[in-house]
Amino acid sequence: MHLVGGDLKEAVHEGELQGCMEGYLRQTIVEDPFRRKNTGDSTPADIVIDIVPGENVRVTVAPKGFGSENMSQIRMLTPGAGIEGAEEAIVDICRQAGGNPCPPMVVGVGIGGNFNKAALMAKKALLRPLGEHNEDPFYAEMEGRLLEKINQLGTGPQGFGGKTTALAVNVLAAPTHIAGLPVAVNINCHVCRHGEIIL
């Protein structure tokens, strides 16, 4: 497939602008992190492009609030931490989040790669439909253990207490350096919106 007629990123920004103006979405982007002037149209969009085999283009949109984004973290562990240390870090991040991300939440986890890859995997993990688990039984079991541990925190819906703090924990993993064990957690609220179209 060939994309013609303009710049892909500019087209995405234009779609974001139209969605904000015509769809009455909140204007939530500021031009600079310190001077805080609102762009007035929620642009620019955060764009990630993956080039993969095939002749189609898959466009995924994942609107996400910043209350849950603010609760996300990355821990640069060493290999000696092992799976126990990684799980402890993930649960600790969810404990620290408390009721701030509007639980019950969906927890995306990226393990491996490097600093930026782990964070991107954690965000991509949130795109997996609820009820689907990692194809690797090792990580599917890890997801189950983490969900149980996070729900045992007792944070509950909206932080008022209860047995359902998380609806799902989705883990993605990638090769990493022999000296590293990056663990990133990207938390989403219970809404966990995303949509997809194939062109």
N, C-alpha and C. Protein backbone atom coordinates (compact mmCIF):
# COMPACT_ATOMS: atom_id res chain seq x y z
N MET A 1 0.84 -1.17 0.00
CA MET A 1 0.00 0.00 0.00
C MET A 1 0.89 1.24 0.00
N HIS A 2 0.50 2.25 -0.74
CA HIS A 2 1.20 3.53 -0.76
C HIS A 2 0.29 4.59 -0.18
N LEU A 3 0.84 5.41 0.70
CA LEU A 3 0.10 6.54 1.24
C LEU A 3 0.47 7.76 0.41
N VAL A 4 -0.52 8.40 -0.17
CA VAL A 4 -0.26 9.55 -1.04
C VAL A 4 -1.12 10.74 -0.59
N GLY A 5 -0.72 11.91 -1.04
CA GLY A 5 -1.56 13.09 -0.81
C GLY A 5 -1.19 13.90 0.40
N GLY A 6 -0.03 13.65 1.00
CA GLY A 6 0.37 14.47 2.14
C GLY A 6 1.17 13.70 3.17
N ASP A 7 1.46 14.36 4.25
CA ASP A 7 2.27 13.81 5.33
C ASP A 7 1.39 13.04 6.32
N LEU A 8 1.78 11.81 6.64
CA LEU A 8 0.99 10.96 7.53
C LEU A 8 0.80 11.61 8.90
N LYS A 9 1.87 12.13 9.47
CA LYS A 9 1.76 12.72 10.80
C LYS A 9 0.84 13.95 10.79
N GLU A 10 0.95 14.75 9.76
CA GLU A 10 0.08 15.92 9.66
C GLU A 10 -1.39 15.50 9.53
N ALA A 11 -1.62 14.39 8.81
CA ALA A 11 -3.00 13.89 8.67
C ALA A 11 -3.55 13.45 10.03
N VAL A 12 -2.71 12.80 10.84
CA VAL A 12 -3.13 12.37 12.17
C VAL A 12 -3.43 13.59 13.04
N HIS A 13 -2.57 14.58 12.98
CA HIS A 13 -2.80 15.81 13.75
C HIS A 13 -4.12 16.48 13.33
N GLU A 14 -4.38 16.48 12.03
CA GLU A 14 -5.62 17.08 11.54
C GLU A 14 -6.83 16.30 12.06
N GLY A 15 -6.72 14.97 12.07
CA GLY A 15 -7.80 14.14 12.62
C GLY A 15 -8.03 14.43 14.09
N GLU A 16 -6.95 14.60 14.83
CA GLU A 16 -7.04 14.95 16.25
C GLU A 16 -7.75 16.28 16.43
N LEU A 17 -7.38 17.24 15.61
CA LEU A 17 -7.98 18.58 15.66
C LEU A 17 -9.48 18.50 15.38
N GLN A 18 -9.84 17.77 14.31
CA GLN A 18 -11.26 17.65 13.97
C GLN A 18 -12.03 16.92 15.06
N GLY A 19 -11.44 15.87 15.62
CA GLY A 19 -12.09 15.14 16.70
C GLY A 19 -12.35 16.03 17.90
N CYS A 20 -11.40 16.91 18.18
CA CYS A 20 -11.56 17.83 19.31
C CYS A 20 -12.64 18.86 19.03
N MET A 21 -12.59 19.47 17.86
CA MET A 21 -13.51 20.55 17.55
C MET A 21 -14.92 20.06 17.22
N GLU A 22 -15.02 19.02 16.40
CA GLU A 22 -16.33 18.54 15.98
C GLU A 22 -16.93 17.55 16.97
N GLY A 23 -16.06 16.86 17.71
CA GLY A 23 -16.54 15.87 18.67
C GLY A 23 -16.61 16.41 20.08
N TYR A 24 -16.32 17.69 20.24
CA TYR A 24 -16.38 18.36 21.54
C TYR A 24 -15.51 17.67 22.59
N LEU A 25 -14.34 17.23 22.16
CA LEU A 25 -13.41 16.63 23.12
C LEU A 25 -12.71 17.74 23.89
N ARG A 26 -12.25 17.42 25.09
CA ARG A 26 -11.56 18.41 25.90
C ARG A 26 -10.25 18.84 25.24
N GLN A 27 -9.92 20.09 25.40
CA GLN A 27 -8.66 20.62 24.89
C GLN A 27 -7.63 20.47 26.00
N THR A 28 -6.77 19.46 25.87
CA THR A 28 -5.95 19.05 27.00
C THR A 28 -4.45 19.15 26.78
N ILE A 29 -4.01 19.69 25.66
CA ILE A 29 -2.57 19.73 25.37
C ILE A 29 -2.05 21.16 25.51
N VAL A 30 -0.92 21.29 26.20
CA VAL A 30 -0.26 22.59 26.32
C VAL A 30 1.01 22.58 25.47
N GLU A 31 1.36 23.75 24.94
CA GLU A 31 2.50 23.87 24.03
C GLU A 31 3.83 23.57 24.70
N ASP A 32 3.95 23.89 25.97
CA ASP A 32 5.21 23.75 26.68
C ASP A 32 4.91 23.26 28.11
N PRO A 33 5.72 22.34 28.63
CA PRO A 33 5.41 21.78 29.94
C PRO A 33 5.46 22.77 31.10
N PHE A 34 6.17 23.89 30.95
CA PHE A 34 6.26 24.87 32.03
C PHE A 34 5.43 26.12 31.79
N ARG A 35 5.37 26.57 30.54
CA ARG A 35 4.62 27.80 30.27
C ARG A 35 3.12 27.55 30.12
N ARG A 36 2.73 26.32 29.87
CA ARG A 36 1.36 25.82 29.99
C ARG A 36 0.31 26.50 29.12
N LYS A 37 0.68 27.07 27.98
CA LYS A 37 -0.33 27.65 27.10
C LYS A 37 -1.02 26.53 26.33
N ASN A 38 -2.35 26.47 26.41
CA ASN A 38 -3.11 25.42 25.76
C ASN A 38 -3.09 25.61 24.24
N THR A 39 -2.93 24.51 23.51
CA THR A 39 -2.92 24.60 22.05
C THR A 39 -4.31 24.91 21.50
N GLY A 40 -5.34 24.64 22.28
CA GLY A 40 -6.70 24.96 21.88
C GLY A 40 -7.37 23.92 21.02
N ASP A 41 -6.64 22.86 20.63
CA ASP A 41 -7.25 21.85 19.77
C ASP A 41 -6.73 20.44 20.06
N SER A 42 -6.06 20.26 21.17
CA SER A 42 -5.52 18.96 21.59
C SER A 42 -4.47 18.39 20.66
N THR A 43 -3.87 19.22 19.83
CA THR A 43 -2.74 18.76 19.02
C THR A 43 -1.46 19.32 19.63
N PRO A 44 -0.33 18.68 19.39
CA PRO A 44 -0.14 17.54 18.52
C PRO A 44 -0.49 16.22 19.21
N ALA A 45 -0.85 15.25 18.40
CA ALA A 45 -1.13 13.91 18.91
C ALA A 45 0.18 13.19 19.20
N ASP A 46 0.13 12.21 20.09
CA ASP A 46 1.28 11.35 20.36
C ASP A 46 1.19 10.20 19.35
N ILE A 47 2.17 10.09 18.46
CA ILE A 47 2.10 9.14 17.35
C ILE A 47 3.23 8.12 17.46
N VAL A 48 2.88 6.85 17.35
CA VAL A 48 3.85 5.77 17.30
C VAL A 48 3.63 5.02 15.99
N ILE A 49 4.69 4.83 15.21
CA ILE A 49 4.56 4.14 13.93
C ILE A 49 5.43 2.88 13.97
N ASP A 50 4.81 1.75 13.69
CA ASP A 50 5.52 0.47 13.55
C ASP A 50 5.39 0.02 12.11
N ILE A 51 6.51 -0.29 11.48
CA ILE A 51 6.49 -0.81 10.12
C ILE A 51 6.60 -2.32 10.21
N VAL A 52 5.59 -3.01 9.68
CA VAL A 52 5.52 -4.47 9.75
C VAL A 52 5.20 -5.01 8.37
N PRO A 53 5.42 -6.31 8.12
CA PRO A 53 5.10 -6.88 6.81
C PRO A 53 3.61 -6.79 6.52
N GLY A 54 3.28 -6.71 5.26
CA GLY A 54 1.87 -6.68 4.85
C GLY A 54 1.59 -5.50 3.96
N GLU A 55 0.37 -5.45 3.42
CA GLU A 55 0.03 -4.40 2.48
C GLU A 55 -1.04 -3.45 3.02
N ASN A 56 -1.47 -3.64 4.26
CA ASN A 56 -2.49 -2.77 4.84
C ASN A 56 -1.88 -1.84 5.89
N VAL A 57 -2.66 -0.85 6.26
CA VAL A 57 -2.28 0.06 7.33
C VAL A 57 -3.31 -0.08 8.44
N ARG A 58 -2.83 -0.37 9.64
CA ARG A 58 -3.70 -0.49 10.80
C ARG A 58 -3.53 0.76 11.64
N VAL A 59 -4.61 1.46 11.91
CA VAL A 59 -4.58 2.68 12.71
C VAL A 59 -5.31 2.39 14.02
N THR A 60 -4.61 2.58 15.13
CA THR A 60 -5.19 2.37 16.44
C THR A 60 -5.19 3.70 17.19
N VAL A 61 -6.32 4.04 17.75
CA VAL A 61 -6.47 5.27 18.53
C VAL A 61 -6.76 4.87 19.97
N ALA A 62 -6.02 5.48 20.91
CA ALA A 62 -6.21 5.15 22.32
C ALA A 62 -6.23 6.42 23.16
N PRO A 63 -7.39 7.10 23.22
CA PRO A 63 -7.50 8.30 24.07
C PRO A 63 -7.32 7.91 25.54
N LYS A 64 -6.49 8.66 26.24
CA LYS A 64 -6.16 8.27 27.62
C LYS A 64 -6.05 9.51 28.48
N GLY A 65 -6.68 9.47 29.64
CA GLY A 65 -6.59 10.58 30.57
C GLY A 65 -5.26 10.59 31.30
N PHE A 66 -4.95 11.73 31.90
CA PHE A 66 -3.64 11.82 32.54
C PHE A 66 -3.67 11.50 34.02
N GLY A 67 -4.86 11.32 34.58
CA GLY A 67 -4.91 10.89 35.97
C GLY A 67 -4.26 9.54 36.13
N SER A 68 -4.58 8.63 35.22
CA SER A 68 -3.96 7.31 35.26
C SER A 68 -2.52 7.36 34.75
N GLU A 69 -2.27 8.20 33.76
CA GLU A 69 -0.91 8.33 33.21
C GLU A 69 0.07 8.78 34.30
N ASN A 70 -0.39 9.69 35.15
CA ASN A 70 0.46 10.19 36.24
C ASN A 70 0.85 9.10 37.22
N MET A 71 0.10 8.01 37.26
CA MET A 71 0.38 6.93 38.20
C MET A 71 1.34 5.89 37.61
N SER A 72 1.69 6.04 36.35
CA SER A 72 2.57 5.09 35.68
C SER A 72 4.03 5.33 36.07
N GLN A 73 4.80 4.26 36.08
CA GLN A 73 6.21 4.35 36.48
C GLN A 73 7.05 3.34 35.70
N ILE A 74 8.36 3.59 35.74
CA ILE A 74 9.31 2.61 35.23
C ILE A 74 10.36 2.36 36.31
N ARG A 75 10.72 1.12 36.45
CA ARG A 75 11.77 0.74 37.41
C ARG A 75 12.88 0.04 36.61
N MET A 76 14.07 0.55 36.74
CA MET A 76 15.22 -0.05 36.07
C MET A 76 15.87 -1.03 37.05
N LEU A 77 15.39 -2.26 37.03
CA LEU A 77 15.89 -3.29 37.94
C LEU A 77 17.13 -3.95 37.35
N THR A 78 17.84 -4.64 38.19
CA THR A 78 18.96 -5.46 37.71
C THR A 78 18.48 -6.90 37.62
N PRO A 79 19.15 -7.72 36.81
CA PRO A 79 18.68 -9.10 36.63
C PRO A 79 18.53 -9.88 37.92
N GLY A 80 19.33 -9.53 38.94
CA GLY A 80 19.24 -10.24 40.21
C GLY A 80 17.89 -10.10 40.88
N ALA A 81 17.11 -9.09 40.50
CA ALA A 81 15.78 -8.92 41.11
C ALA A 81 14.86 -10.08 40.74
N GLY A 82 15.08 -10.65 39.55
CA GLY A 82 14.30 -11.79 39.11
C GLY A 82 12.81 -11.49 38.98
N ILE A 83 12.06 -12.54 38.75
CA ILE A 83 10.62 -12.38 38.56
C ILE A 83 9.94 -11.92 39.85
N GLU A 84 10.47 -12.36 40.99
CA GLU A 84 9.89 -11.94 42.26
C GLU A 84 10.02 -10.43 42.45
N GLY A 85 11.21 -9.91 42.15
CA GLY A 85 11.44 -8.47 42.29
C GLY A 85 10.62 -7.67 41.30
N ALA A 86 10.47 -8.20 40.08
CA ALA A 86 9.67 -7.51 39.07
C ALA A 86 8.21 -7.46 39.51
N GLU A 87 7.67 -8.58 39.98
CA GLU A 87 6.27 -8.60 40.43
C GLU A 87 6.07 -7.69 41.64
N GLU A 88 7.04 -7.68 42.54
CA GLU A 88 6.95 -6.81 43.72
C GLU A 88 6.90 -5.34 43.29
N ALA A 89 7.72 -4.98 42.30
CA ALA A 89 7.74 -3.60 41.81
C ALA A 89 6.40 -3.23 41.16
N ILE A 90 5.84 -4.13 40.38
CA ILE A 90 4.57 -3.87 39.69
C ILE A 90 3.45 -3.67 40.70
N VAL A 91 3.38 -4.54 41.69
CA VAL A 91 2.34 -4.43 42.72
C VAL A 91 2.54 -3.15 43.53
N ASP A 92 3.80 -2.81 43.83
CA ASP A 92 4.09 -1.59 44.59
C ASP A 92 3.64 -0.34 43.83
N ILE A 93 3.85 -0.32 42.54
CA ILE A 93 3.41 0.82 41.72
C ILE A 93 1.89 0.95 41.79
N CYS A 94 1.19 -0.18 41.72
CA CYS A 94 -0.28 -0.16 41.81
C CYS A 94 -0.74 0.25 43.22
N ARG A 95 0.01 -0.15 44.24
CA ARG A 95 -0.30 0.25 45.61
C ARG A 95 -0.17 1.77 45.75
N GLN A 96 0.91 2.31 45.22
CA GLN A 96 1.14 3.76 45.29
C GLN A 96 0.07 4.53 44.52
N ALA A 97 -0.43 3.95 43.44
CA ALA A 97 -1.46 4.62 42.63
C ALA A 97 -2.74 4.82 43.44
N GLY A 98 -3.06 3.86 44.28
CA GLY A 98 -4.26 3.97 45.10
C GLY A 98 -5.50 4.19 44.26
N GLY A 99 -6.33 5.13 44.66
CA GLY A 99 -7.57 5.43 43.94
C GLY A 99 -7.40 6.47 42.85
N ASN A 100 -6.19 7.00 42.68
CA ASN A 100 -5.97 8.08 41.70
C ASN A 100 -6.29 7.74 40.25
N PRO A 101 -6.01 6.52 39.77
CA PRO A 101 -6.31 6.23 38.36
C PRO A 101 -7.75 5.78 38.11
N CYS A 102 -8.65 6.05 39.05
CA CYS A 102 -10.07 5.66 38.93
C CYS A 102 -10.24 4.16 38.75
N PRO A 103 -9.78 3.36 39.70
CA PRO A 103 -9.96 1.92 39.58
C PRO A 103 -11.44 1.55 39.60
N PRO A 104 -11.76 0.35 39.11
CA PRO A 104 -10.83 -0.71 38.73
C PRO A 104 -10.06 -0.37 37.47
N MET A 105 -8.76 -0.64 37.51
CA MET A 105 -7.87 -0.23 36.43
C MET A 105 -7.45 -1.41 35.57
N VAL A 106 -6.90 -1.06 34.43
CA VAL A 106 -6.23 -2.03 33.57
C VAL A 106 -4.75 -1.68 33.64
N VAL A 107 -3.92 -2.69 33.90
CA VAL A 107 -2.50 -2.47 34.13
C VAL A 107 -1.71 -3.04 32.96
N GLY A 108 -1.02 -2.15 32.25
CA GLY A 108 -0.14 -2.57 31.16
C GLY A 108 1.28 -2.64 31.68
N VAL A 109 1.96 -3.74 31.37
CA VAL A 109 3.32 -3.96 31.86
C VAL A 109 4.24 -4.27 30.69
N GLY A 110 5.37 -3.57 30.64
CA GLY A 110 6.41 -3.85 29.66
C GLY A 110 7.67 -4.28 30.38
N ILE A 111 8.20 -5.43 30.02
CA ILE A 111 9.39 -5.96 30.69
C ILE A 111 10.45 -6.23 29.63
N GLY A 112 11.65 -5.71 29.85
CA GLY A 112 12.75 -5.94 28.92
C GLY A 112 12.98 -4.75 28.01
N GLY A 113 13.71 -4.98 26.94
CA GLY A 113 14.08 -3.89 26.05
C GLY A 113 15.01 -2.95 26.76
N ASN A 114 14.73 -1.66 26.67
CA ASN A 114 15.47 -0.64 27.39
C ASN A 114 14.47 0.34 27.98
N PHE A 115 14.95 1.49 28.45
CA PHE A 115 14.09 2.45 29.15
C PHE A 115 12.86 2.82 28.33
N ASN A 116 13.07 3.24 27.08
CA ASN A 116 11.93 3.69 26.27
C ASN A 116 11.10 2.54 25.73
N LYS A 117 11.73 1.42 25.38
CA LYS A 117 10.97 0.29 24.84
C LYS A 117 10.06 -0.32 25.89
N ALA A 118 10.53 -0.43 27.11
CA ALA A 118 9.70 -0.99 28.18
C ALA A 118 8.45 -0.14 28.39
N ALA A 119 8.62 1.19 28.37
CA ALA A 119 7.47 2.08 28.56
C ALA A 119 6.48 1.96 27.40
N LEU A 120 7.00 1.88 26.18
CA LEU A 120 6.11 1.75 25.02
C LEU A 120 5.38 0.40 25.05
N MET A 121 6.05 -0.66 25.45
CA MET A 121 5.38 -1.96 25.55
C MET A 121 4.27 -1.92 26.60
N ALA A 122 4.53 -1.24 27.72
CA ALA A 122 3.51 -1.14 28.77
C ALA A 122 2.26 -0.45 28.23
N LYS A 123 2.47 0.59 27.41
CA LYS A 123 1.31 1.29 26.84
C LYS A 123 0.61 0.41 25.81
N LYS A 124 1.38 -0.28 24.98
CA LYS A 124 0.77 -1.16 23.97
C LYS A 124 0.03 -2.33 24.62
N ALA A 125 0.49 -2.76 25.77
CA ALA A 125 -0.18 -3.87 26.46
C ALA A 125 -1.62 -3.51 26.83
N LEU A 126 -1.88 -2.22 27.00
CA LEU A 126 -3.24 -1.78 27.34
C LEU A 126 -4.22 -1.98 26.20
N LEU A 127 -3.71 -2.20 24.99
CA LEU A 127 -4.58 -2.37 23.82
C LEU A 127 -5.16 -3.79 23.72
N ARG A 128 -4.64 -4.71 24.49
CA ARG A 128 -5.14 -6.09 24.42
C ARG A 128 -6.55 -6.14 25.00
N PRO A 129 -7.48 -6.79 24.30
CA PRO A 129 -8.85 -6.88 24.81
C PRO A 129 -8.91 -7.58 26.17
N LEU A 130 -9.81 -7.12 27.02
CA LEU A 130 -10.00 -7.76 28.32
C LEU A 130 -10.34 -9.23 28.11
N GLY A 131 -9.76 -10.06 28.94
CA GLY A 131 -10.02 -11.50 28.85
C GLY A 131 -9.01 -12.25 28.00
N GLU A 132 -8.22 -11.54 27.21
CA GLU A 132 -7.15 -12.19 26.43
C GLU A 132 -5.87 -12.13 27.23
N HIS A 133 -5.11 -13.22 27.19
CA HIS A 133 -3.87 -13.30 27.95
C HIS A 133 -2.69 -13.42 27.01
N ASN A 134 -1.51 -13.20 27.56
CA ASN A 134 -0.28 -13.36 26.79
C ASN A 134 -0.24 -14.77 26.20
N GLU A 135 0.22 -14.86 24.96
CA GLU A 135 0.27 -16.17 24.29
C GLU A 135 1.27 -17.11 24.92
N ASP A 136 2.28 -16.57 25.59
CA ASP A 136 3.29 -17.37 26.26
C ASP A 136 2.74 -17.77 27.64
N PRO A 137 2.57 -19.07 27.90
CA PRO A 137 2.01 -19.50 29.19
C PRO A 137 2.76 -18.95 30.40
N PHE A 138 4.07 -18.75 30.27
CA PHE A 138 4.87 -18.21 31.37
C PHE A 138 4.35 -16.83 31.77
N TYR A 139 4.12 -15.97 30.76
CA TYR A 139 3.64 -14.62 31.04
C TYR A 139 2.14 -14.59 31.34
N ALA A 140 1.39 -15.53 30.77
CA ALA A 140 -0.03 -15.63 31.11
C ALA A 140 -0.20 -15.95 32.60
N GLU A 141 0.64 -16.85 33.11
CA GLU A 141 0.60 -17.18 34.54
C GLU A 141 1.01 -15.97 35.38
N MET A 142 2.01 -15.24 34.90
CA MET A 142 2.44 -14.04 35.61
C MET A 142 1.31 -13.01 35.69
N GLU A 143 0.59 -12.84 34.58
CA GLU A 143 -0.55 -11.93 34.56
C GLU A 143 -1.59 -12.32 35.62
N GLY A 144 -1.86 -13.61 35.71
CA GLY A 144 -2.83 -14.10 36.69
C GLY A 144 -2.39 -13.83 38.12
N ARG A 145 -1.12 -14.11 38.40
CA ARG A 145 -0.59 -13.86 39.75
C ARG A 145 -0.66 -12.38 40.09
N LEU A 146 -0.25 -11.54 39.14
CA LEU A 146 -0.25 -10.10 39.39
C LEU A 146 -1.67 -9.57 39.62
N LEU A 147 -2.62 -10.04 38.83
CA LEU A 147 -4.00 -9.60 39.01
C LEU A 147 -4.50 -9.95 40.41
N GLU A 148 -4.18 -11.15 40.84
CA GLU A 148 -4.60 -11.57 42.18
C GLU A 148 -3.95 -10.71 43.26
N LYS A 149 -2.65 -10.46 43.13
CA LYS A 149 -1.93 -9.65 44.13
C LYS A 149 -2.44 -8.21 44.15
N ILE A 150 -2.70 -7.65 42.99
CA ILE A 150 -3.18 -6.26 42.92
C ILE A 150 -4.59 -6.16 43.51
N ASN A 151 -5.43 -7.15 43.25
CA ASN A 151 -6.78 -7.12 43.82
C ASN A 151 -6.76 -7.33 45.34
N GLN A 152 -5.72 -8.00 45.83
CA GLN A 152 -5.59 -8.19 47.28
C GLN A 152 -5.18 -6.90 47.99
N LEU A 153 -4.79 -5.87 47.22
CA LEU A 153 -4.44 -4.59 47.85
C LEU A 153 -5.65 -3.96 48.55
N GLY A 154 -6.85 -4.28 48.06
CA GLY A 154 -8.07 -3.78 48.69
C GLY A 154 -8.42 -2.35 48.35
N THR A 155 -7.77 -1.78 47.34
CA THR A 155 -8.07 -0.40 46.94
C THR A 155 -9.52 -0.29 46.49
N GLY A 156 -9.94 -1.21 45.63
CA GLY A 156 -11.33 -1.28 45.20
C GLY A 156 -11.76 -0.18 44.25
N PRO A 157 -13.00 -0.27 43.74
CA PRO A 157 -13.52 0.73 42.80
C PRO A 157 -13.45 2.14 43.37
N GLN A 158 -12.88 3.03 42.55
CA GLN A 158 -12.73 4.45 42.90
C GLN A 158 -11.95 4.66 44.20
N GLY A 159 -11.26 3.62 44.67
CA GLY A 159 -10.46 3.75 45.88
C GLY A 159 -11.25 3.63 47.17
N PHE A 160 -12.51 3.19 47.08
CA PHE A 160 -13.36 3.10 48.27
C PHE A 160 -13.25 1.75 48.98
N GLY A 161 -12.34 0.90 48.51
CA GLY A 161 -12.16 -0.41 49.13
C GLY A 161 -12.95 -1.48 48.40
N GLY A 162 -12.41 -2.68 48.42
CA GLY A 162 -13.09 -3.79 47.77
C GLY A 162 -12.11 -4.75 47.13
N LYS A 163 -12.66 -5.76 46.51
CA LYS A 163 -11.84 -6.84 45.96
C LYS A 163 -11.47 -6.65 44.50
N THR A 164 -11.99 -5.61 43.85
CA THR A 164 -11.71 -5.41 42.43
C THR A 164 -10.97 -4.09 42.23
N THR A 165 -9.66 -4.17 42.35
CA THR A 165 -8.80 -3.00 42.12
C THR A 165 -8.38 -2.94 40.66
N ALA A 166 -8.21 -4.11 40.04
CA ALA A 166 -7.82 -4.19 38.63
C ALA A 166 -8.72 -5.17 37.90
N LEU A 167 -8.99 -4.86 36.63
CA LEU A 167 -9.77 -5.75 35.78
C LEU A 167 -8.87 -6.70 35.01
N ALA A 168 -7.65 -6.24 34.73
CA ALA A 168 -6.71 -7.06 33.96
C ALA A 168 -5.30 -6.55 34.16
N VAL A 169 -4.34 -7.46 34.01
CA VAL A 169 -2.93 -7.11 33.93
C VAL A 169 -2.42 -7.74 32.64
N ASN A 170 -1.93 -6.90 31.74
CA ASN A 170 -1.43 -7.37 30.45
C ASN A 170 0.06 -7.13 30.37
N VAL A 171 0.82 -8.20 30.16
CA VAL A 171 2.27 -8.13 30.14
C VAL A 171 2.80 -8.35 28.73
N LEU A 172 3.73 -7.51 28.31
CA LEU A 172 4.51 -7.71 27.09
C LEU A 172 5.98 -7.76 27.48
N ALA A 173 6.74 -8.63 26.84
CA ALA A 173 8.16 -8.77 27.16
C ALA A 173 8.99 -8.74 25.87
N ALA A 174 10.24 -8.34 26.01
CA ALA A 174 11.15 -8.26 24.86
C ALA A 174 12.56 -8.60 25.31
N PRO A 175 13.43 -8.98 24.37
CA PRO A 175 14.83 -9.20 24.72
C PRO A 175 15.43 -7.94 25.35
N THR A 176 16.42 -8.14 26.21
CA THR A 176 17.06 -7.00 26.87
C THR A 176 18.55 -7.27 27.04
N HIS A 177 19.27 -6.30 27.54
CA HIS A 177 20.71 -6.40 27.77
C HIS A 177 20.97 -7.33 28.95
N ILE A 178 22.13 -7.98 28.95
CA ILE A 178 22.46 -8.92 30.02
C ILE A 178 22.49 -8.24 31.39
N ALA A 179 22.69 -6.92 31.42
CA ALA A 179 22.79 -6.21 32.70
C ALA A 179 21.47 -5.57 33.12
N GLY A 180 20.42 -5.76 32.34
CA GLY A 180 19.20 -5.01 32.62
C GLY A 180 17.96 -5.84 32.86
N LEU A 181 17.01 -5.24 33.56
CA LEU A 181 15.67 -5.79 33.74
C LEU A 181 14.70 -4.61 33.89
N PRO A 182 14.48 -3.86 32.78
CA PRO A 182 13.52 -2.75 32.87
C PRO A 182 12.10 -3.27 33.07
N VAL A 183 11.36 -2.61 33.96
CA VAL A 183 9.97 -2.96 34.20
C VAL A 183 9.16 -1.67 34.20
N ALA A 184 8.27 -1.54 33.24
CA ALA A 184 7.43 -0.34 33.12
C ALA A 184 5.98 -0.72 33.36
N VAL A 185 5.27 0.17 34.03
CA VAL A 185 3.85 -0.03 34.31
C VAL A 185 3.09 1.19 33.81
N ASN A 186 2.17 0.98 32.88
CA ASN A 186 1.31 2.05 32.39
C ASN A 186 -0.11 1.70 32.80
N ILE A 187 -0.67 2.52 33.65
CA ILE A 187 -1.99 2.25 34.22
C ILE A 187 -3.06 2.99 33.44
N ASN A 188 -4.19 2.35 33.24
CA ASN A 188 -5.34 3.00 32.62
C ASN A 188 -6.53 2.82 33.55
N CYS A 189 -7.46 3.76 33.47
CA CYS A 189 -8.68 3.63 34.26
C CYS A 189 -9.55 2.50 33.70
N HIS A 190 -10.68 2.28 34.31
CA HIS A 190 -11.55 1.17 33.92
C HIS A 190 -12.11 1.33 32.50
N VAL A 191 -12.12 2.55 31.97
CA VAL A 191 -12.68 2.78 30.64
C VAL A 191 -11.78 2.17 29.57
N CYS A 192 -10.49 2.42 29.65
CA CYS A 192 -9.48 1.83 28.75
C CYS A 192 -9.93 1.87 27.29
N ARG A 193 -10.21 3.10 26.80
CA ARG A 193 -10.74 3.28 25.44
C ARG A 193 -9.68 3.02 24.39
N HIS A 194 -10.06 2.36 23.34
CA HIS A 194 -9.24 2.28 22.13
C HIS A 194 -10.10 1.74 20.98
N GLY A 195 -9.73 2.16 19.79
CA GLY A 195 -10.43 1.72 18.60
C GLY A 195 -9.42 1.50 17.49
N GLU A 196 -9.83 0.75 16.48
CA GLU A 196 -8.89 0.36 15.43
C GLU A 196 -9.60 0.27 14.09
N ILE A 197 -8.87 0.63 13.05
CA ILE A 197 -9.38 0.49 11.69
C ILE A 197 -8.23 0.02 10.80
N ILE A 198 -8.54 -0.82 9.83
CA ILE A 198 -7.54 -1.29 8.86
C ILE A 198 -7.88 -0.68 7.51
N LEU A 199 -6.90 0.02 6.93
CA LEU A 199 -7.10 0.68 5.64
C LEU A 199 -6.54 -0.18 4.52
